[in-house]
Amino acid sequence: MSQTSVQELAPEVSGRPLCVDLDGTLVKSDTLLDSLLVLARTHPLALLRLPQWLLRGKAAVKAEIGARVALDVRHLPYNRALLEYLEAARGEGRRLYLATGADRTLAAQIADHLGIFDGVLASDGATNLTGGNKLDGLRQSFGDEGYDYVGNAVSDLPLLTHAHRAMIANPAPGLQLRLRSRGIAVERVFKERPPAAKAVLKALRPHQWAKNVLIFLPLLLAHTLRPPLVVAALVAFASFSLSASATYIVNDLLDIEADRRHPRKRRRPFAAGDLSVFTGVAISVAFLACAVIMAVALLPAEFLDWLVIYLVTTLSYSLYLKRVVLLDVILLSGLYVLRMLAGAAATKVPISPWLAAFSLFLFLSLAVVKRFSELQNTRARGQKVTNGRGYLLADIEQMRSFGTASAYAAVVVFSFYIGGHDVTALYRHPVRLWLITPLMILWLSRVWLLASRGELDEDPVIFAVTDRISWLIGLAVVAIAAMAAL
C-alpha cells in the first residue's frame, strides 16, 4: 500500500487533531456518486470505460472521474450544523483535518474553499483511503498523539473505535447501535436531514400529477362516464403518475449540479443531500415497474404504446433534448397532448382534432412561459443564465412573443370549435360556451402579465394549483360547461 501523506494547508497548533470524514458527514451527499451523475450527463460515453477503471481499483475510478468532472464545491450540500461546530473549533485553535476516501484533488478543492482545515488525507489514485486504509493513514500521520473523528457510515467503525473521541453526523442506519454494542461513547451527533418519508414525498412531486388529469379529458368531453371507462381512466392516471415521478427523479439526479446553483431547486431532496442516489434509483425502478405492470395487466395494448413513448421522450428530454433551444418547449407541449392520447387509448374514446389543436397551442404557451419565467427571474436577480438550457437573457422578448401568440391561438381554436357542428351533438345550449372565452383570455393574460412582472413561479402547474384566482376561474369554466350541456 502506498503511503498517503498529509497535505499541509496551514501552520499546526497544539491539541489533539480532529479528523472529519467528507461523504455523508461534512457533505450530506456522496461526492463520487455526484461526480458519476455529472459524468453521465456531460460525457456519457466515458461510462463505457468504467469496467476498465474498476480493474485498477476504486481509487483509480475516483481519480479518472475526477479528471473528467469538476464538482462545484461552493454549492455542495454541506452539513451546516457540523460546519458551524468545525468553524468554532478552528477559532479556538483546534487542528482540523479532512480525512476522506474521495480523490485528493476534490478533497483539496473543498478544503481550499472552506479554509478551516490544516491538512487533507485522501485517496491518491492508488490507495482508496477508506476503512482500514484510512485508519492506517491516520496512525501514520498522528502516531501516539491519536485523533478525534467525525464519521457517518459503517465503514467508519474502525476509525470511530480507535478515536479518542467519536462524533457522528447524519449516521447511517444501525451505526449508533453498533457503536453502543462496542461500548463506544458518542460525544456529539450532528443531524441535518428531514424525515425520510417527507424527503421521498417531495422527490416524487405529487403536485405534478395534476398534469395527468388530462387523461380524463377525452372521456369528459365526450360525455361518456360509464363506470368501466372511468376505472380504466383511473388506472391510466395511476400508471402515468408513477411513471412521471420516476422520470422526475431521474431528471433531478442528472440535474443535481445545476439544481444546487438554483435558489429554489437547491432544496430538492437529491440536490440538498436529503436522499441518496441509491434511494432515488431504487424508487425510480420500482415505480416504473409498477406502472408498466398496471398497463400490461389492466389496460389496452395501445395505452402501453403511449406510455412507452412518454417514457422514452421524457428520458431523452432529461438526458439531452431539454438543452436544445425551442425543441424543449415543443416537446413539453407535445407531452401534454400525449397524455390525452393515452387517455383516449385507455378508454377507447378518441379525441377530436379540435381538442388536439387547442391543447397544442395552449400547452405550448405554458411551456414557453416556464422558460420565460426562468429567464425573467434570472435577470431580476442580476445573475447569468447557468442552467444549460441554451436560452439567453436577450431571448426574453422573443419568448414573450412566442408564448402570447400561442396562447391567443388557443382561444381562437376554441372559438371556432364552439361554432362547429360537433358541439350541437354534445351540448343542448352551445351558445353558453362563449362565456368561457373571456375567462380563458383573462387567465392566460394574467399568467403572462405576472410572468412579465417576475411574480410567476417558474412552473405554471404549481402556479395554477396554488393560485386562488385560477381555482375560481376553473370552477366557473366547469359551471358554464355544465349549464351548456343541460
Protein backbone atom coordinates (compact mmCIF):
# COMPACT_ATOMS: atom_id res chain seq x y z
CA MET A 1 0.00 0.00 0.00
CA SER A 2 1.40 3.39 -0.91
CA GLN A 3 1.74 5.87 1.92
CA THR A 4 -0.78 8.73 1.92
CA SER A 5 0.74 11.93 3.21
CA VAL A 6 -0.86 14.86 4.97
CA GLN A 7 -1.01 17.90 2.74
CA GLU A 8 -0.27 20.94 4.90
CA LEU A 9 -2.65 23.86 4.38
CA ALA A 10 -1.86 25.98 7.48
CA PRO A 11 0.58 26.06 10.42
CA GLU A 12 -0.08 23.42 13.08
CA VAL A 13 -1.36 24.41 16.52
CA SER A 14 -1.42 22.46 19.75
CA GLY A 15 -4.10 19.95 20.79
CA ARG A 16 -5.29 16.58 19.54
CA PRO A 17 -6.28 16.78 15.85
CA LEU A 18 -9.92 16.43 14.82
CA CYS A 19 -10.33 14.39 11.63
CA VAL A 20 -13.53 14.79 9.63
CA ASP A 21 -14.95 12.45 7.00
CA LEU A 22 -16.34 14.03 3.83
CA ASP A 23 -19.05 11.96 2.10
CA GLY A 24 -22.22 11.74 4.16
CA THR A 25 -20.56 13.63 7.02
CA LEU A 26 -19.26 17.08 6.14
CA VAL A 27 -21.21 16.86 2.88
CA LYS A 28 -24.63 15.21 3.06
CA SER A 29 -24.26 13.53 -0.31
CA ASP A 30 -21.71 11.13 -1.81
CA THR A 31 -19.32 13.15 -3.97
CA LEU A 32 -18.32 10.08 -6.01
CA LEU A 33 -21.92 9.39 -7.00
CA ASP A 34 -22.49 13.10 -7.62
CA SER A 35 -19.49 13.13 -9.95
CA LEU A 36 -20.69 9.96 -11.66
CA LEU A 37 -24.07 11.57 -12.36
CA VAL A 38 -22.42 14.66 -13.82
CA LEU A 39 -20.23 12.37 -15.94
CA ALA A 40 -23.32 10.53 -17.18
CA ARG A 41 -24.85 13.83 -18.29
CA THR A 42 -21.78 15.51 -19.76
CA HIS A 43 -19.66 12.59 -21.02
CA PRO A 44 -22.00 9.57 -21.23
CA LEU A 45 -19.64 7.59 -23.46
CA ALA A 46 -17.00 7.73 -20.73
CA LEU A 47 -19.20 5.41 -18.67
CA LEU A 48 -18.21 2.62 -21.04
CA ARG A 49 -14.71 2.79 -19.57
CA LEU A 50 -15.88 2.15 -16.01
CA PRO A 51 -15.13 -1.61 -16.13
CA GLN A 52 -11.59 -0.85 -17.30
CA TRP A 53 -11.09 1.63 -14.46
CA LEU A 54 -12.54 -0.78 -11.89
CA LEU A 55 -9.90 -3.34 -12.79
CA ARG A 56 -7.35 -0.88 -11.39
CA GLY A 57 -9.29 -0.40 -8.15
CA LYS A 58 -11.79 2.05 -6.69
CA ALA A 59 -9.14 4.71 -6.09
CA ALA A 60 -8.37 4.71 -9.82
CA VAL A 61 -12.08 5.09 -10.60
CA LYS A 62 -12.27 8.16 -8.37
CA ALA A 63 -9.18 9.66 -9.97
CA GLU A 64 -10.42 9.02 -13.53
CA ILE A 65 -13.85 10.50 -12.84
CA GLY A 66 -12.27 13.44 -11.02
CA ALA A 67 -10.07 14.14 -14.03
CA ARG A 68 -13.17 14.49 -16.22
CA VAL A 69 -15.64 16.10 -13.82
CA ALA A 70 -15.16 19.13 -11.56
CA LEU A 71 -17.88 19.45 -8.92
CA ASP A 72 -18.86 22.94 -7.87
CA VAL A 73 -17.54 22.82 -4.29
CA ARG A 74 -19.19 26.14 -3.44
CA HIS A 75 -22.66 24.66 -3.71
CA LEU A 76 -22.23 21.18 -2.22
CA PRO A 77 -24.85 20.29 0.44
CA TYR A 78 -22.69 20.88 3.50
CA ASN A 79 -23.88 19.75 6.91
CA ARG A 80 -24.34 23.23 8.35
CA ALA A 81 -24.52 22.09 11.97
CA LEU A 82 -21.20 20.26 11.68
CA LEU A 83 -19.59 23.05 9.68
CA GLU A 84 -20.52 25.61 12.33
CA TYR A 85 -19.00 23.37 15.01
CA LEU A 86 -15.79 22.99 13.00
CA GLU A 87 -15.54 26.72 12.40
CA ALA A 88 -15.93 27.35 16.13
CA ALA A 89 -13.30 24.69 16.93
CA ARG A 90 -10.94 26.24 14.39
CA GLY A 91 -11.47 29.62 16.02
CA GLU A 92 -10.37 28.12 19.35
CA GLY A 93 -7.13 26.87 17.79
CA ARG A 94 -8.14 23.26 17.16
CA ARG A 95 -6.27 21.43 14.40
CA LEU A 96 -8.69 20.11 11.77
CA TYR A 97 -8.01 17.54 9.06
CA LEU A 98 -10.22 16.41 6.20
CA ALA A 99 -9.85 12.61 6.09
CA THR A 100 -11.79 11.17 3.18
CA GLY A 101 -11.99 8.38 0.68
CA ALA A 102 -12.68 10.94 -2.05
CA ASP A 103 -9.97 11.71 -4.57
CA ARG A 104 -7.35 14.10 -3.23
CA THR A 105 -7.93 16.67 -6.00
CA LEU A 106 -11.56 17.14 -5.00
CA ALA A 107 -10.74 16.98 -1.27
CA ALA A 108 -8.12 19.72 -1.66
CA GLN A 109 -10.60 21.91 -3.55
CA ILE A 110 -13.14 21.55 -0.74
CA ALA A 111 -10.50 22.29 1.90
CA ASP A 112 -9.37 25.37 -0.01
CA HIS A 113 -12.95 26.57 -0.33
CA LEU A 114 -13.79 26.17 3.36
CA GLY A 115 -10.43 27.42 4.61
CA ILE A 116 -10.64 25.69 8.01
CA PHE A 117 -8.50 22.57 7.54
CA ASP A 118 -4.85 22.22 8.46
CA GLY A 119 -4.39 19.20 6.20
CA VAL A 120 -6.00 16.70 3.88
CA LEU A 121 -5.81 12.90 3.80
CA ALA A 122 -7.47 11.43 0.72
CA SER A 123 -7.33 8.71 -1.92
CA ASP A 124 -4.45 9.19 -4.33
CA GLY A 125 -5.39 7.09 -7.36
CA ALA A 126 -3.61 4.04 -5.98
CA THR A 127 -4.83 3.75 -2.37
CA ASN A 128 -8.53 4.01 -1.58
CA LEU A 129 -8.49 5.78 1.77
CA THR A 130 -11.49 4.16 3.48
CA GLY A 131 -11.93 1.77 6.39
CA GLY A 132 -8.67 0.09 7.38
CA ASN A 133 -6.63 2.11 4.87
CA LYS A 134 -7.84 5.34 6.40
CA LEU A 135 -7.08 4.05 9.91
CA ASP A 136 -3.52 3.22 8.83
CA GLY A 137 -3.18 6.67 7.28
CA LEU A 138 -4.30 8.42 10.47
CA ARG A 139 -1.97 6.31 12.60
CA GLN A 140 0.97 7.08 10.32
CA SER A 141 0.17 10.79 10.34
CA PHE A 142 -0.58 11.30 14.06
CA GLY A 143 1.17 8.38 15.80
CA ASP A 144 0.84 8.22 19.57
CA GLU A 145 -0.87 11.60 19.65
CA GLY A 146 -4.04 9.98 18.32
CA TYR A 147 -7.03 11.77 16.89
CA ASP A 148 -10.72 12.56 17.34
CA TYR A 149 -13.00 11.59 14.48
CA VAL A 150 -16.33 12.54 12.90
CA GLY A 151 -17.92 9.93 10.61
CA ASN A 152 -21.28 8.70 9.45
CA ALA A 153 -21.07 5.21 7.91
CA VAL A 154 -20.45 1.63 8.96
CA SER A 155 -17.12 1.82 7.10
CA ASP A 156 -16.11 4.45 9.67
CA LEU A 157 -16.37 1.96 12.56
CA PRO A 158 -12.60 1.25 12.69
CA LEU A 159 -11.90 4.99 12.79
CA LEU A 160 -14.53 5.68 15.44
CA THR A 161 -13.39 2.68 17.51
CA HIS A 162 -9.78 3.87 17.73
CA ALA A 163 -10.58 7.57 18.11
CA HIS A 164 -10.13 9.26 21.48
CA ARG A 165 -13.48 10.95 20.97
CA ALA A 166 -16.08 9.75 18.48
CA MET A 167 -18.64 12.01 16.83
CA ILE A 168 -21.14 11.19 14.09
CA ALA A 169 -23.12 13.17 11.52
CA ASN A 170 -26.31 12.01 9.81
CA PRO A 171 -25.47 8.44 10.88
CA ALA A 172 -26.31 5.50 8.64
CA PRO A 173 -28.98 3.09 9.94
CA GLY A 174 -27.56 0.81 12.61
CA LEU A 175 -24.35 2.79 13.15
CA GLN A 176 -25.28 4.08 16.60
CA LEU A 177 -26.43 0.60 17.66
CA ARG A 178 -23.10 -0.90 16.59
CA LEU A 179 -21.18 1.78 18.44
CA ARG A 180 -23.17 1.12 21.63
CA SER A 181 -22.60 -2.62 21.31
CA ARG A 182 -18.85 -1.93 21.24
CA GLY A 183 -19.07 0.35 24.25
CA ILE A 184 -18.07 3.43 22.26
CA ALA A 185 -19.49 6.67 23.62
CA VAL A 186 -20.56 9.20 21.02
CA GLU A 187 -19.70 12.70 22.11
CA ARG A 188 -21.80 14.61 19.56
CA VAL A 189 -24.37 13.86 16.86
CA PHE A 190 -24.82 16.35 14.02
CA LYS A 191 -28.14 15.74 12.26
CA GLU A 192 -29.31 17.86 9.38
CA ARG A 193 -31.85 15.90 7.38
CA PRO A 194 -35.66 15.94 7.25
CA PRO A 195 -37.59 12.70 7.93
CA ALA A 196 -37.02 10.23 5.09
CA ALA A 197 -40.75 9.95 4.31
CA LYS A 198 -41.00 13.73 3.88
CA ALA A 199 -37.96 13.80 1.58
CA VAL A 200 -39.28 10.91 -0.54
CA LEU A 201 -42.69 12.58 -0.90
CA LYS A 202 -41.02 15.79 -2.01
CA ALA A 203 -38.90 13.92 -4.56
CA LEU A 204 -42.00 12.27 -6.05
CA ARG A 205 -43.57 15.67 -6.75
CA PRO A 206 -47.18 14.51 -6.38
CA HIS A 207 -48.42 18.01 -7.27
CA GLN A 208 -47.17 17.35 -10.81
CA TRP A 209 -49.67 14.52 -11.08
CA ALA A 210 -52.21 17.27 -11.78
CA LYS A 211 -50.95 17.22 -15.38
CA ASN A 212 -52.20 13.66 -15.72
CA VAL A 213 -55.80 14.79 -15.19
CA LEU A 214 -55.65 15.33 -18.96
CA ILE A 215 -56.09 11.56 -19.27
CA PHE A 216 -59.72 12.05 -18.22
CA LEU A 217 -60.36 14.83 -20.74
CA PRO A 218 -61.40 12.69 -23.76
CA LEU A 219 -63.88 10.87 -21.52
CA LEU A 220 -65.29 14.07 -20.02
CA LEU A 221 -65.60 15.96 -23.29
CA ALA A 222 -67.32 13.00 -24.94
CA HIS A 223 -69.81 12.99 -22.03
CA THR A 224 -69.19 9.28 -21.59
CA LEU A 225 -68.82 8.43 -17.89
CA ARG A 226 -69.65 4.74 -17.77
CA PRO A 227 -68.06 3.06 -14.69
CA PRO A 228 -65.77 0.65 -16.62
CA LEU A 229 -64.34 3.55 -18.63
CA VAL A 230 -63.88 5.67 -15.51
CA VAL A 231 -62.00 2.80 -13.84
CA ALA A 232 -59.78 2.42 -16.93
CA ALA A 233 -59.02 6.15 -16.83
CA LEU A 234 -58.15 5.92 -13.12
CA VAL A 235 -55.73 3.07 -13.78
CA ALA A 236 -54.18 5.03 -16.64
CA PHE A 237 -53.86 8.06 -14.36
CA ALA A 238 -52.09 5.97 -11.70
CA SER A 239 -49.76 4.42 -14.28
CA PHE A 240 -48.80 7.79 -15.74
CA SER A 241 -48.36 9.33 -12.28
CA LEU A 242 -45.95 6.59 -11.20
CA SER A 243 -44.05 6.98 -14.46
CA ALA A 244 -43.92 10.75 -14.05
CA SER A 245 -42.49 10.51 -10.53
CA ALA A 246 -39.88 8.02 -11.73
CA THR A 247 -38.77 10.30 -14.57
CA TYR A 248 -38.73 13.36 -12.28
CA ILE A 249 -36.30 11.51 -10.02
CA VAL A 250 -34.07 10.65 -12.98
CA ASN A 251 -34.19 14.28 -14.09
CA ASP A 252 -33.28 15.52 -10.59
CA LEU A 253 -30.37 13.11 -10.38
CA LEU A 254 -28.96 14.20 -13.74
CA ASP A 255 -29.52 17.89 -12.91
CA ILE A 256 -28.02 17.69 -9.44
CA GLU A 257 -25.19 20.17 -10.14
CA ALA A 258 -27.39 22.76 -11.88
CA ASP A 259 -30.08 22.47 -9.19
CA ARG A 260 -27.54 23.26 -6.46
CA ARG A 261 -26.80 26.60 -8.10
CA HIS A 262 -30.50 27.48 -8.31
CA PRO A 263 -32.01 29.49 -5.41
CA ARG A 264 -35.13 27.29 -5.22
CA LYS A 265 -34.18 23.96 -6.82
CA ARG A 266 -31.20 23.56 -4.45
CA ARG A 267 -33.74 22.48 -1.83
CA ARG A 268 -34.78 19.44 -3.88
CA PRO A 269 -34.00 16.25 -1.91
CA PHE A 270 -31.15 14.97 -4.09
CA ALA A 271 -29.51 18.36 -4.61
CA ALA A 272 -29.78 19.03 -0.86
CA GLY A 273 -28.36 15.62 0.03
CA ASP A 274 -31.53 14.63 1.90
CA LEU A 275 -31.89 11.47 -0.20
CA SER A 276 -29.14 9.25 -1.55
CA VAL A 277 -28.65 8.43 -5.20
CA PHE A 278 -29.24 4.74 -4.44
CA THR A 279 -32.61 5.57 -2.87
CA GLY A 280 -33.59 7.59 -5.93
CA VAL A 281 -32.62 4.84 -8.36
CA ALA A 282 -34.48 2.21 -6.32
CA ILE A 283 -37.68 4.27 -6.18
CA SER A 284 -37.49 5.10 -9.87
CA VAL A 285 -37.07 1.45 -10.92
CA ALA A 286 -39.86 0.29 -8.60
CA PHE A 287 -42.31 2.93 -9.84
CA LEU A 288 -41.54 2.22 -13.49
CA ALA A 289 -42.06 -1.50 -12.93
CA CYS A 290 -45.43 -0.91 -11.24
CA ALA A 291 -46.55 1.48 -13.99
CA VAL A 292 -45.74 -1.00 -16.76
CA ILE A 293 -47.33 -3.94 -14.91
CA MET A 294 -50.55 -1.97 -14.43
CA ALA A 295 -50.61 -1.01 -18.11
CA VAL A 296 -49.96 -4.55 -19.34
CA ALA A 297 -52.40 -6.26 -16.98
CA LEU A 298 -55.32 -3.84 -16.89
CA LEU A 299 -55.36 -1.63 -19.99
CA PRO A 300 -55.47 -1.99 -23.81
CA ALA A 301 -52.19 -2.53 -25.63
CA GLU A 302 -52.50 0.91 -27.28
CA PHE A 303 -52.13 2.57 -23.89
CA LEU A 304 -48.82 0.79 -23.28
CA ASP A 305 -47.57 2.13 -26.62
CA TRP A 306 -48.27 5.71 -25.50
CA LEU A 307 -46.73 5.05 -22.07
CA VAL A 308 -43.52 3.79 -23.68
CA ILE A 309 -43.40 6.81 -25.99
CA TYR A 310 -43.88 9.04 -22.93
CA LEU A 311 -41.05 7.34 -21.04
CA VAL A 312 -38.63 7.41 -23.98
CA THR A 313 -39.43 11.07 -24.68
CA THR A 314 -39.11 12.23 -21.07
CA LEU A 315 -35.86 10.33 -20.53
CA SER A 316 -34.44 11.72 -23.80
CA TYR A 317 -35.55 15.14 -22.64
CA SER A 318 -33.75 14.70 -19.31
CA LEU A 319 -30.57 13.41 -20.91
CA TYR A 320 -30.20 15.89 -23.76
CA LEU A 321 -33.24 17.37 -25.51
CA LYS A 322 -34.06 19.89 -22.78
CA ARG A 323 -30.87 21.72 -23.75
CA VAL A 324 -31.97 22.16 -27.39
CA VAL A 325 -33.50 25.62 -27.82
CA LEU A 326 -37.21 25.60 -28.81
CA LEU A 327 -37.29 21.84 -29.26
CA ASP A 328 -37.59 21.56 -25.47
CA VAL A 329 -40.80 23.62 -25.28
CA ILE A 330 -42.30 21.86 -28.29
CA LEU A 331 -41.62 18.52 -26.60
CA LEU A 332 -43.14 19.72 -23.33
CA SER A 333 -46.32 20.82 -25.08
CA GLY A 334 -46.39 17.55 -27.01
CA LEU A 335 -46.23 15.58 -23.76
CA TYR A 336 -49.44 17.25 -22.62
CA VAL A 337 -51.20 16.17 -25.81
CA LEU A 338 -49.68 12.72 -25.41
CA ARG A 339 -51.42 12.36 -22.05
CA MET A 340 -54.77 12.93 -23.75
CA LEU A 341 -53.93 10.42 -26.45
CA ALA A 342 -53.05 7.91 -23.74
CA GLY A 343 -56.37 8.60 -22.03
CA ALA A 344 -58.17 8.06 -25.30
CA ALA A 345 -56.34 4.76 -25.80
CA ALA A 346 -57.13 3.59 -22.25
CA THR A 347 -60.86 4.33 -22.58
CA LYS A 348 -61.19 3.81 -26.35
CA VAL A 349 -62.76 7.27 -26.63
CA PRO A 350 -60.98 9.20 -29.42
CA ILE A 351 -60.12 12.86 -29.08
CA SER A 352 -61.33 15.34 -31.67
CA PRO A 353 -58.99 17.34 -33.95
CA TRP A 354 -60.33 20.47 -32.27
CA LEU A 355 -59.18 19.29 -28.85
CA ALA A 356 -55.76 18.29 -30.18
CA ALA A 357 -55.20 21.68 -31.88
CA PHE A 358 -56.47 23.64 -28.87
CA SER A 359 -54.28 21.68 -26.46
CA LEU A 360 -51.17 22.00 -28.59
CA PHE A 361 -51.37 25.81 -28.69
CA LEU A 362 -52.39 26.13 -25.03
CA PHE A 363 -49.65 23.92 -23.66
CA LEU A 364 -47.02 25.37 -25.96
CA SER A 365 -47.83 28.74 -24.36
CA LEU A 366 -47.45 27.24 -20.86
CA ALA A 367 -44.16 25.57 -21.80
CA VAL A 368 -42.82 28.84 -23.15
CA VAL A 369 -43.94 30.79 -20.08
CA LYS A 370 -41.95 28.36 -17.94
CA ARG A 371 -38.75 29.19 -19.84
CA PHE A 372 -39.69 32.87 -19.98
CA SER A 373 -40.14 33.00 -16.19
CA GLU A 374 -36.77 31.33 -15.64
CA LEU A 375 -35.08 33.99 -17.77
CA GLN A 376 -37.08 36.85 -16.24
CA ASN A 377 -36.34 35.74 -12.68
CA THR A 378 -32.65 35.25 -13.52
CA ARG A 379 -32.47 38.78 -14.91
CA ALA A 380 -34.27 40.19 -11.87
CA ARG A 381 -31.66 38.59 -9.59
CA GLY A 382 -28.87 40.10 -11.66
CA GLN A 383 -27.44 36.67 -12.46
CA LYS A 384 -26.21 34.94 -15.58
CA VAL A 385 -28.01 32.01 -17.19
CA THR A 386 -26.30 28.83 -15.91
CA ASN A 387 -28.95 26.12 -16.31
CA GLY A 388 -27.62 24.87 -19.64
CA ARG A 389 -30.96 25.26 -21.45
CA GLY A 390 -29.43 27.24 -24.30
CA TYR A 391 -31.59 30.34 -23.84
CA LEU A 392 -30.10 33.81 -23.36
CA LEU A 393 -31.41 36.83 -21.48
CA ALA A 394 -31.61 38.52 -24.87
CA ASP A 395 -34.28 35.96 -25.86
CA ILE A 396 -36.84 37.22 -23.31
CA GLU A 397 -38.85 39.44 -25.67
CA GLN A 398 -38.89 36.83 -28.43
CA MET A 399 -40.06 34.18 -25.95
CA ARG A 400 -42.82 36.53 -24.83
CA SER A 401 -43.94 36.86 -28.45
CA PHE A 402 -43.94 33.10 -28.99
CA GLY A 403 -45.86 32.41 -25.80
CA THR A 404 -48.56 35.08 -26.04
CA ALA A 405 -49.20 34.33 -29.72
CA SER A 406 -49.66 30.65 -28.91
CA ALA A 407 -51.97 31.48 -26.00
CA TYR A 408 -54.35 33.53 -28.10
CA ALA A 409 -54.19 30.98 -30.93
CA ALA A 410 -55.65 28.50 -28.44
CA VAL A 411 -58.51 30.93 -27.75
CA VAL A 412 -59.16 31.27 -31.49
CA VAL A 413 -59.27 27.49 -31.96
CA PHE A 414 -61.71 27.19 -29.06
CA SER A 415 -63.94 29.89 -30.61
CA PHE A 416 -64.05 28.03 -33.92
CA TYR A 417 -64.88 24.83 -32.02
CA ILE A 418 -67.91 26.47 -30.41
CA GLY A 419 -69.29 27.29 -33.84
CA GLY A 420 -68.68 23.80 -35.21
CA HIS A 421 -71.20 21.03 -35.86
CA ASP A 422 -69.68 18.68 -33.26
CA VAL A 423 -70.77 20.93 -30.41
CA THR A 424 -74.52 20.65 -31.11
CA ALA A 425 -74.34 16.88 -30.64
CA LEU A 426 -72.86 17.24 -27.15
CA TYR A 427 -74.40 20.45 -25.76
CA ARG A 428 -78.06 21.48 -25.62
CA HIS A 429 -77.10 25.16 -25.27
CA PRO A 430 -73.73 25.50 -27.06
CA VAL A 431 -74.00 29.30 -27.23
CA ARG A 432 -73.37 29.41 -23.48
CA LEU A 433 -69.85 28.09 -24.11
CA TRP A 434 -68.95 31.56 -25.39
CA LEU A 435 -68.84 32.64 -21.75
CA ILE A 436 -65.71 30.50 -21.34
CA THR A 437 -63.80 32.57 -23.91
CA PRO A 438 -63.33 35.73 -21.80
CA LEU A 439 -62.34 33.57 -18.84
CA MET A 440 -59.65 31.90 -20.95
CA ILE A 441 -58.40 35.30 -22.12
CA LEU A 442 -58.38 36.54 -18.52
CA TRP A 443 -56.41 33.57 -17.17
CA LEU A 444 -53.85 33.41 -19.97
CA SER A 445 -53.32 37.18 -19.95
CA ARG A 446 -52.89 37.14 -16.17
CA VAL A 447 -50.33 34.34 -16.38
CA TRP A 448 -48.24 36.27 -18.87
CA LEU A 449 -48.65 39.56 -17.01
CA LEU A 450 -47.41 38.00 -13.76
CA ALA A 451 -44.57 36.31 -15.62
CA SER A 452 -43.52 39.66 -17.12
CA ARG A 453 -43.51 41.17 -13.63
CA GLY A 454 -41.38 38.33 -12.29
CA GLU A 455 -44.21 37.24 -9.96
CA LEU A 456 -44.91 33.84 -11.52
CA ASP A 457 -43.49 30.61 -10.20
CA GLU A 458 -41.29 29.10 -12.88
CA ASP A 459 -43.64 26.12 -13.08
CA PRO A 460 -47.11 27.19 -14.33
CA VAL A 461 -48.64 23.96 -12.98
CA ILE A 462 -47.61 24.87 -9.43
CA PHE A 463 -49.00 28.35 -10.04
CA ALA A 464 -52.34 27.02 -11.28
CA VAL A 465 -52.69 24.55 -8.40
CA THR A 466 -51.87 27.09 -5.70
CA ASP A 467 -53.44 30.26 -7.13
CA ARG A 468 -56.88 31.12 -5.73
CA ILE A 469 -57.99 33.11 -8.78
CA SER A 470 -57.04 30.21 -11.07
CA TRP A 471 -59.22 27.91 -9.00
CA LEU A 472 -62.15 30.34 -9.22
CA ILE A 473 -61.76 30.65 -12.98
CA GLY A 474 -61.55 26.86 -13.31
CA LEU A 475 -64.71 26.34 -11.28
CA ALA A 476 -66.51 28.96 -13.38
CA VAL A 477 -65.47 27.17 -16.60
CA VAL A 478 -66.82 23.85 -15.24
CA ALA A 479 -70.09 25.53 -14.22
CA ILE A 480 -70.53 27.10 -17.65
CA ALA A 481 -69.84 23.81 -19.43
CA ALA A 482 -72.42 22.09 -17.20
CA MET A 483 -75.01 24.78 -17.99
CA ALA A 484 -74.32 24.40 -21.70
CA ALA A 485 -74.80 20.63 -21.53
CA LEU A 486 -78.05 20.67 -19.53
